[in-house]
C-alpha cells in the first residue's frame, strides 16, 4: 500500500478515488471516520487519505490526479436547446436534462 495524498474532505477523496478507478487504478479512501477526533489529535491527521494498493501505480495515479486539476475549467460554456446557459464542466442541462452536444 502506498499513501498518495491527504484530502481536505471526503468529497475530494472519493472524487479522486473515482477518477483513479475509471483509469483502471485501484484506490482506497482511509480515515473516513476520524473527523470526529478533531481537537483531540492534530487536524491534519483526521483528513481522509487516498491510498493505492500497488506501490508501482503511484506515479500513474498522481498523473491522473494532476491531469484532472489541469483540465478543470477548460471546457467552454454551452447553451442548451432549452436556452439555458451552462458552464463547460456540465455534460447535462439541469433545467431540461438534455445532454451537451458531443458529450458521451
N, C-alpha and C. Protein backbone atom coordinates (compact mmCIF):
# COMPACT_ATOMS: atom_id res chain seq x y z
N UNK A 1 0.84 -1.18 0.00
CA UNK A 1 0.00 0.00 0.00
C UNK A 1 0.89 1.24 0.00
N UNK A 2 0.44 2.25 -0.73
CA UNK A 2 1.19 3.49 -0.82
C UNK A 2 0.24 4.67 -0.63
N UNK A 3 0.57 5.54 0.33
CA UNK A 3 -0.23 6.75 0.56
C UNK A 3 0.06 7.74 -0.56
N UNK A 4 -1.00 8.14 -1.28
CA UNK A 4 -0.84 9.15 -2.34
C UNK A 4 -0.90 10.55 -1.77
N UNK A 5 -1.96 10.83 -1.02
CA UNK A 5 -2.18 12.18 -0.52
C UNK A 5 -3.23 12.19 0.57
N UNK A 6 -3.27 13.28 1.30
CA UNK A 6 -4.37 13.54 2.23
C UNK A 6 -5.28 14.54 1.53
N UNK A 7 -6.56 14.42 1.77
CA UNK A 7 -7.54 15.29 1.13
C UNK A 7 -8.22 16.14 2.19
N UNK A 8 -8.64 17.32 1.82
CA UNK A 8 -9.26 18.24 2.77
C UNK A 8 -10.63 17.75 3.25
N UNK A 9 -11.29 16.91 2.43
CA UNK A 9 -12.61 16.41 2.81
C UNK A 9 -12.91 15.10 2.09
N UNK A 10 -13.97 14.43 2.51
CA UNK A 10 -14.33 13.14 1.93
C UNK A 10 -14.78 13.25 0.48
N UNK A 11 -15.42 14.34 0.13
CA UNK A 11 -15.88 14.52 -1.25
C UNK A 11 -14.69 14.50 -2.20
N UNK A 12 -13.66 15.26 -1.87
CA UNK A 12 -12.46 15.31 -2.70
C UNK A 12 -11.79 13.94 -2.75
N UNK A 13 -11.68 13.26 -1.61
CA UNK A 13 -11.03 11.95 -1.56
C UNK A 13 -11.76 10.94 -2.44
N UNK A 14 -13.08 10.90 -2.34
CA UNK A 14 -13.83 9.93 -3.15
C UNK A 14 -13.85 10.32 -4.62
N UNK A 15 -13.84 11.62 -4.91
CA UNK A 15 -13.76 12.06 -6.31
C UNK A 15 -12.46 11.57 -6.95
N UNK A 16 -11.35 11.78 -6.25
CA UNK A 16 -10.07 11.33 -6.78
C UNK A 16 -10.02 9.81 -6.89
N UNK A 17 -10.57 9.11 -5.91
CA UNK A 17 -10.61 7.64 -5.97
C UNK A 17 -11.41 7.18 -7.19
N UNK A 18 -12.52 7.85 -7.47
CA UNK A 18 -13.33 7.50 -8.65
C UNK A 18 -12.57 7.77 -9.94
N UNK A 19 -11.83 8.88 -10.00
CA UNK A 19 -11.02 9.17 -11.19
C UNK A 19 -9.99 8.07 -11.42
N UNK A 20 -9.34 7.65 -10.34
CA UNK A 20 -8.32 6.60 -10.46
C UNK A 20 -8.95 5.29 -10.89
N UNK A 21 -10.07 4.93 -10.31
CA UNK A 21 -10.72 3.68 -10.67
C UNK A 21 -11.19 3.70 -12.12
N UNK A 22 -11.65 4.86 -12.60
CA UNK A 22 -12.04 5.00 -14.01
C UNK A 22 -10.84 4.83 -14.93
N UNK A 23 -9.64 5.14 -14.43
CA UNK A 23 -8.41 4.99 -15.21
C UNK A 23 -7.81 3.59 -15.04
N UNK A 24 -8.50 2.72 -14.31
CA UNK A 24 -8.02 1.35 -14.13
C UNK A 24 -7.03 1.18 -12.99
N UNK A 25 -6.96 2.15 -12.10
CA UNK A 25 -6.03 2.10 -10.96
C UNK A 25 -6.85 1.90 -9.69
N UNK A 26 -6.59 0.82 -8.98
CA UNK A 26 -7.30 0.58 -7.72
C UNK A 26 -6.91 1.64 -6.70
N UNK A 27 -7.89 2.14 -5.96
CA UNK A 27 -7.63 3.16 -4.95
C UNK A 27 -8.52 2.90 -3.74
N UNK A 28 -8.06 3.38 -2.60
CA UNK A 28 -8.79 3.18 -1.35
C UNK A 28 -8.76 4.47 -0.54
N UNK A 29 -9.92 4.85 0.00
CA UNK A 29 -10.01 6.02 0.88
C UNK A 29 -9.98 5.53 2.31
N UNK A 30 -9.08 6.10 3.10
CA UNK A 30 -8.96 5.74 4.52
C UNK A 30 -9.17 6.99 5.37
N UNK A 31 -9.30 6.78 6.68
CA UNK A 31 -9.55 7.85 7.66
C UNK A 31 -10.90 8.51 7.43
N UNK A 32 -11.89 7.73 7.05
CA UNK A 32 -13.20 8.31 6.75
C UNK A 32 -13.97 8.72 8.00
N UNK A 33 -13.61 8.20 9.16
CA UNK A 33 -14.37 8.49 10.38
C UNK A 33 -13.58 9.31 11.41
N UNK A 34 -12.40 9.74 11.08
CA UNK A 34 -11.57 10.44 12.06
C UNK A 34 -11.94 11.90 12.28
N UNK A 35 -12.82 12.45 11.48
CA UNK A 35 -13.15 13.88 11.64
C UNK A 35 -13.73 14.17 13.02
N UNK A 36 -14.32 13.19 13.65
CA UNK A 36 -14.86 13.38 14.99
C UNK A 36 -13.79 13.57 16.05
N UNK A 37 -12.55 13.28 15.71
CA UNK A 37 -11.44 13.41 16.67
C UNK A 37 -10.73 14.75 16.58
N UNK A 38 -11.22 15.66 15.72
CA UNK A 38 -10.60 16.98 15.60
C UNK A 38 -10.62 17.64 16.98
N UNK A 39 -9.48 18.14 17.38
CA UNK A 39 -9.33 18.76 18.69
C UNK A 39 -8.63 17.84 19.66
N UNK A 40 -8.82 16.54 19.48
CA UNK A 40 -8.11 15.58 20.32
C UNK A 40 -6.77 15.19 19.70
N UNK A 41 -6.73 15.19 18.38
CA UNK A 41 -5.49 14.90 17.65
C UNK A 41 -5.32 16.02 16.62
N UNK A 42 -4.12 16.20 16.08
CA UNK A 42 -3.92 17.27 15.09
C UNK A 42 -4.90 17.15 13.92
N UNK A 43 -5.43 18.30 13.49
CA UNK A 43 -6.45 18.31 12.44
C UNK A 43 -6.01 17.57 11.18
N UNK A 44 -4.79 17.80 10.75
CA UNK A 44 -4.33 17.17 9.51
C UNK A 44 -4.34 15.65 9.60
N UNK A 45 -4.20 15.11 10.80
CA UNK A 45 -4.24 13.66 10.98
C UNK A 45 -5.64 13.09 10.80
N UNK A 46 -6.65 13.96 10.84
CA UNK A 46 -8.03 13.49 10.68
C UNK A 46 -8.49 13.54 9.23
N UNK A 47 -7.69 14.13 8.36
CA UNK A 47 -8.09 14.26 6.96
C UNK A 47 -8.15 12.89 6.29
N UNK A 48 -9.10 12.70 5.36
CA UNK A 48 -9.15 11.45 4.60
C UNK A 48 -7.86 11.25 3.81
N UNK A 49 -7.48 10.01 3.66
CA UNK A 49 -6.25 9.66 2.93
C UNK A 49 -6.61 8.84 1.70
N UNK A 50 -5.88 9.06 0.62
CA UNK A 50 -6.06 8.30 -0.61
C UNK A 50 -4.86 7.39 -0.78
N UNK A 51 -5.12 6.09 -0.85
CA UNK A 51 -4.08 5.07 -0.96
C UNK A 51 -4.25 4.27 -2.24
N UNK A 52 -3.14 3.78 -2.78
CA UNK A 52 -3.18 2.79 -3.86
C UNK A 52 -2.56 1.51 -3.32
N UNK A 53 -3.22 0.36 -3.54
CA UNK A 53 -2.71 -0.90 -3.00
C UNK A 53 -1.39 -1.34 -3.64
N UNK A 54 -1.17 -0.96 -4.89
CA UNK A 54 0.04 -1.37 -5.61
C UNK A 54 0.97 -0.17 -5.71
N UNK A 55 2.10 -0.23 -5.02
CA UNK A 55 3.03 0.91 -4.97
C UNK A 55 3.48 1.34 -6.36
N UNK A 56 3.56 0.41 -7.29
CA UNK A 56 4.00 0.74 -8.65
C UNK A 56 2.99 1.62 -9.38
N UNK A 57 1.76 1.71 -8.88
CA UNK A 57 0.74 2.56 -9.50
C UNK A 57 0.83 4.02 -9.06
N UNK A 58 1.74 4.32 -8.13
CA UNK A 58 1.79 5.67 -7.56
C UNK A 58 1.99 6.75 -8.62
N UNK A 59 2.96 6.59 -9.49
CA UNK A 59 3.25 7.62 -10.50
C UNK A 59 2.07 7.82 -11.44
N UNK A 60 1.49 6.73 -11.92
CA UNK A 60 0.34 6.84 -12.82
C UNK A 60 -0.85 7.49 -12.11
N UNK A 61 -1.05 7.14 -10.85
CA UNK A 61 -2.15 7.72 -10.07
C UNK A 61 -1.97 9.22 -9.90
N UNK A 62 -0.77 9.65 -9.58
CA UNK A 62 -0.52 11.08 -9.43
C UNK A 62 -0.70 11.81 -10.76
N UNK A 63 -0.33 11.18 -11.87
CA UNK A 63 -0.54 11.78 -13.18
C UNK A 63 -2.03 12.01 -13.45
N UNK A 64 -2.87 11.03 -13.09
CA UNK A 64 -4.32 11.16 -13.29
C UNK A 64 -4.86 12.32 -12.47
N UNK A 65 -4.47 12.40 -11.21
CA UNK A 65 -4.96 13.47 -10.32
C UNK A 65 -4.48 14.84 -10.81
N UNK A 66 -3.23 14.94 -11.19
CA UNK A 66 -2.70 16.23 -11.67
C UNK A 66 -3.35 16.64 -12.98
N UNK A 67 -3.59 15.68 -13.88
CA UNK A 67 -4.24 15.99 -15.15
C UNK A 67 -5.66 16.49 -14.93
N UNK A 68 -6.35 15.91 -13.97
CA UNK A 68 -7.72 16.35 -13.67
C UNK A 68 -7.72 17.80 -13.19
N UNK A 69 -6.73 18.17 -12.41
CA UNK A 69 -6.62 19.55 -11.94
C UNK A 69 -6.29 20.52 -13.05
N UNK A 70 -5.43 20.10 -13.97
CA UNK A 70 -5.04 20.97 -15.09
C UNK A 70 -6.20 21.19 -16.04
N UNK A 71 -7.02 20.15 -16.24
CA UNK A 71 -8.10 20.23 -17.22
C UNK A 71 -9.35 20.94 -16.69
N UNK A 72 -9.41 21.15 -15.39
CA UNK A 72 -10.60 21.78 -14.79
C UNK A 72 -10.78 23.19 -15.34
N UNK A 73 -11.99 23.50 -15.72
CA UNK A 73 -12.31 24.85 -16.17
C UNK A 73 -11.93 25.15 -17.60
N UNK A 74 -11.48 24.19 -18.37
CA UNK A 74 -11.06 24.46 -19.74
C UNK A 74 -12.17 24.25 -20.77
N UNK A 75 -13.29 23.68 -20.34
CA UNK A 75 -14.38 23.45 -21.28
C UNK A 75 -15.18 24.73 -21.45
N UNK A 76 -15.58 25.03 -22.69
CA UNK A 76 -16.31 26.27 -22.93
C UNK A 76 -17.75 26.21 -22.41
N UNK A 77 -18.29 27.37 -22.12
CA UNK A 77 -19.70 27.49 -21.75
C UNK A 77 -20.53 27.04 -22.95
N UNK A 78 -21.65 26.39 -22.70
CA UNK A 78 -22.51 25.95 -23.79
C UNK A 78 -23.98 26.30 -23.51
N UNK A 79 -24.75 26.46 -24.59
CA UNK A 79 -26.17 26.78 -24.46
C UNK A 79 -26.98 25.56 -24.86
N UNK A 80 -27.87 25.18 -23.97
CA UNK A 80 -28.74 24.03 -24.21
C UNK A 80 -29.83 24.40 -25.20
N UNK A 81 -30.45 23.40 -25.79
CA UNK A 81 -31.54 23.66 -26.74
C UNK A 81 -32.74 24.34 -26.07
N UNK A 82 -32.83 24.22 -24.72
CA UNK A 82 -33.92 24.89 -23.99
C UNK A 82 -33.59 26.36 -23.72
N UNK A 83 -32.36 26.77 -24.06
CA UNK A 83 -31.95 28.16 -23.89
C UNK A 83 -31.10 28.41 -22.66
N UNK A 84 -30.96 27.42 -21.80
CA UNK A 84 -30.18 27.57 -20.57
C UNK A 84 -28.69 27.64 -20.90
N UNK A 85 -27.96 28.57 -20.27
CA UNK A 85 -26.52 28.71 -20.44
C UNK A 85 -25.83 27.93 -19.33
N UNK A 86 -24.92 27.01 -19.70
CA UNK A 86 -24.30 26.12 -18.72
C UNK A 86 -22.78 26.19 -18.79
N UNK A 87 -22.15 26.05 -17.64
CA UNK A 87 -20.69 26.01 -17.58
C UNK A 87 -20.19 24.73 -18.24
N UNK A 88 -18.96 24.77 -18.74
CA UNK A 88 -18.42 23.68 -19.52
C UNK A 88 -18.28 22.34 -18.82
N UNK A 89 -18.13 22.34 -17.48
CA UNK A 89 -17.94 21.07 -16.79
C UNK A 89 -19.23 20.25 -16.72
N UNK A 90 -20.36 20.85 -17.07
CA UNK A 90 -21.62 20.13 -17.01
C UNK A 90 -21.91 19.45 -18.34
N UNK A 91 -22.19 18.16 -18.30
CA UNK A 91 -22.48 17.39 -19.51
C UNK A 91 -23.98 17.29 -19.75
N UNK A 92 -24.77 17.76 -18.79
CA UNK A 92 -26.21 17.66 -18.90
C UNK A 92 -26.85 18.93 -18.36
N UNK A 93 -27.93 19.35 -19.00
CA UNK A 93 -28.64 20.56 -18.58
C UNK A 93 -29.43 20.28 -17.30
N UNK A 94 -29.27 21.16 -16.33
CA UNK A 94 -30.01 20.99 -15.08
C UNK A 94 -31.49 21.29 -15.27
N UNK A 95 -31.80 22.11 -16.26
CA UNK A 95 -33.17 22.57 -16.46
C UNK A 95 -34.05 21.53 -17.18
N UNK A 96 -33.54 20.96 -18.27
CA UNK A 96 -34.37 20.04 -19.06
C UNK A 96 -33.80 18.62 -19.13
N UNK A 97 -32.56 18.43 -18.69
CA UNK A 97 -31.96 17.10 -18.69
C UNK A 97 -31.29 16.70 -19.99
N UNK A 98 -31.28 17.58 -20.98
CA UNK A 98 -30.65 17.26 -22.26
C UNK A 98 -29.13 17.20 -22.11
N UNK A 99 -28.51 16.32 -22.89
CA UNK A 99 -27.05 16.18 -22.87
C UNK A 99 -26.40 17.27 -23.71
N UNK A 100 -25.19 17.67 -23.31
CA UNK A 100 -24.41 18.63 -24.07
C UNK A 100 -24.10 18.02 -25.43
N UNK A 101 -24.23 18.77 -26.51
CA UNK A 101 -23.88 18.23 -27.82
C UNK A 101 -22.43 17.72 -27.83
N UNK A 102 -22.24 16.52 -28.29
CA UNK A 102 -20.90 15.93 -28.35
C UNK A 102 -20.48 15.24 -27.08
N UNK A 103 -21.29 15.30 -26.03
CA UNK A 103 -20.94 14.62 -24.76
C UNK A 103 -21.26 13.14 -24.88
N UNK A 104 -20.35 12.33 -24.35
CA UNK A 104 -20.56 10.88 -24.42
C UNK A 104 -21.43 10.42 -23.28
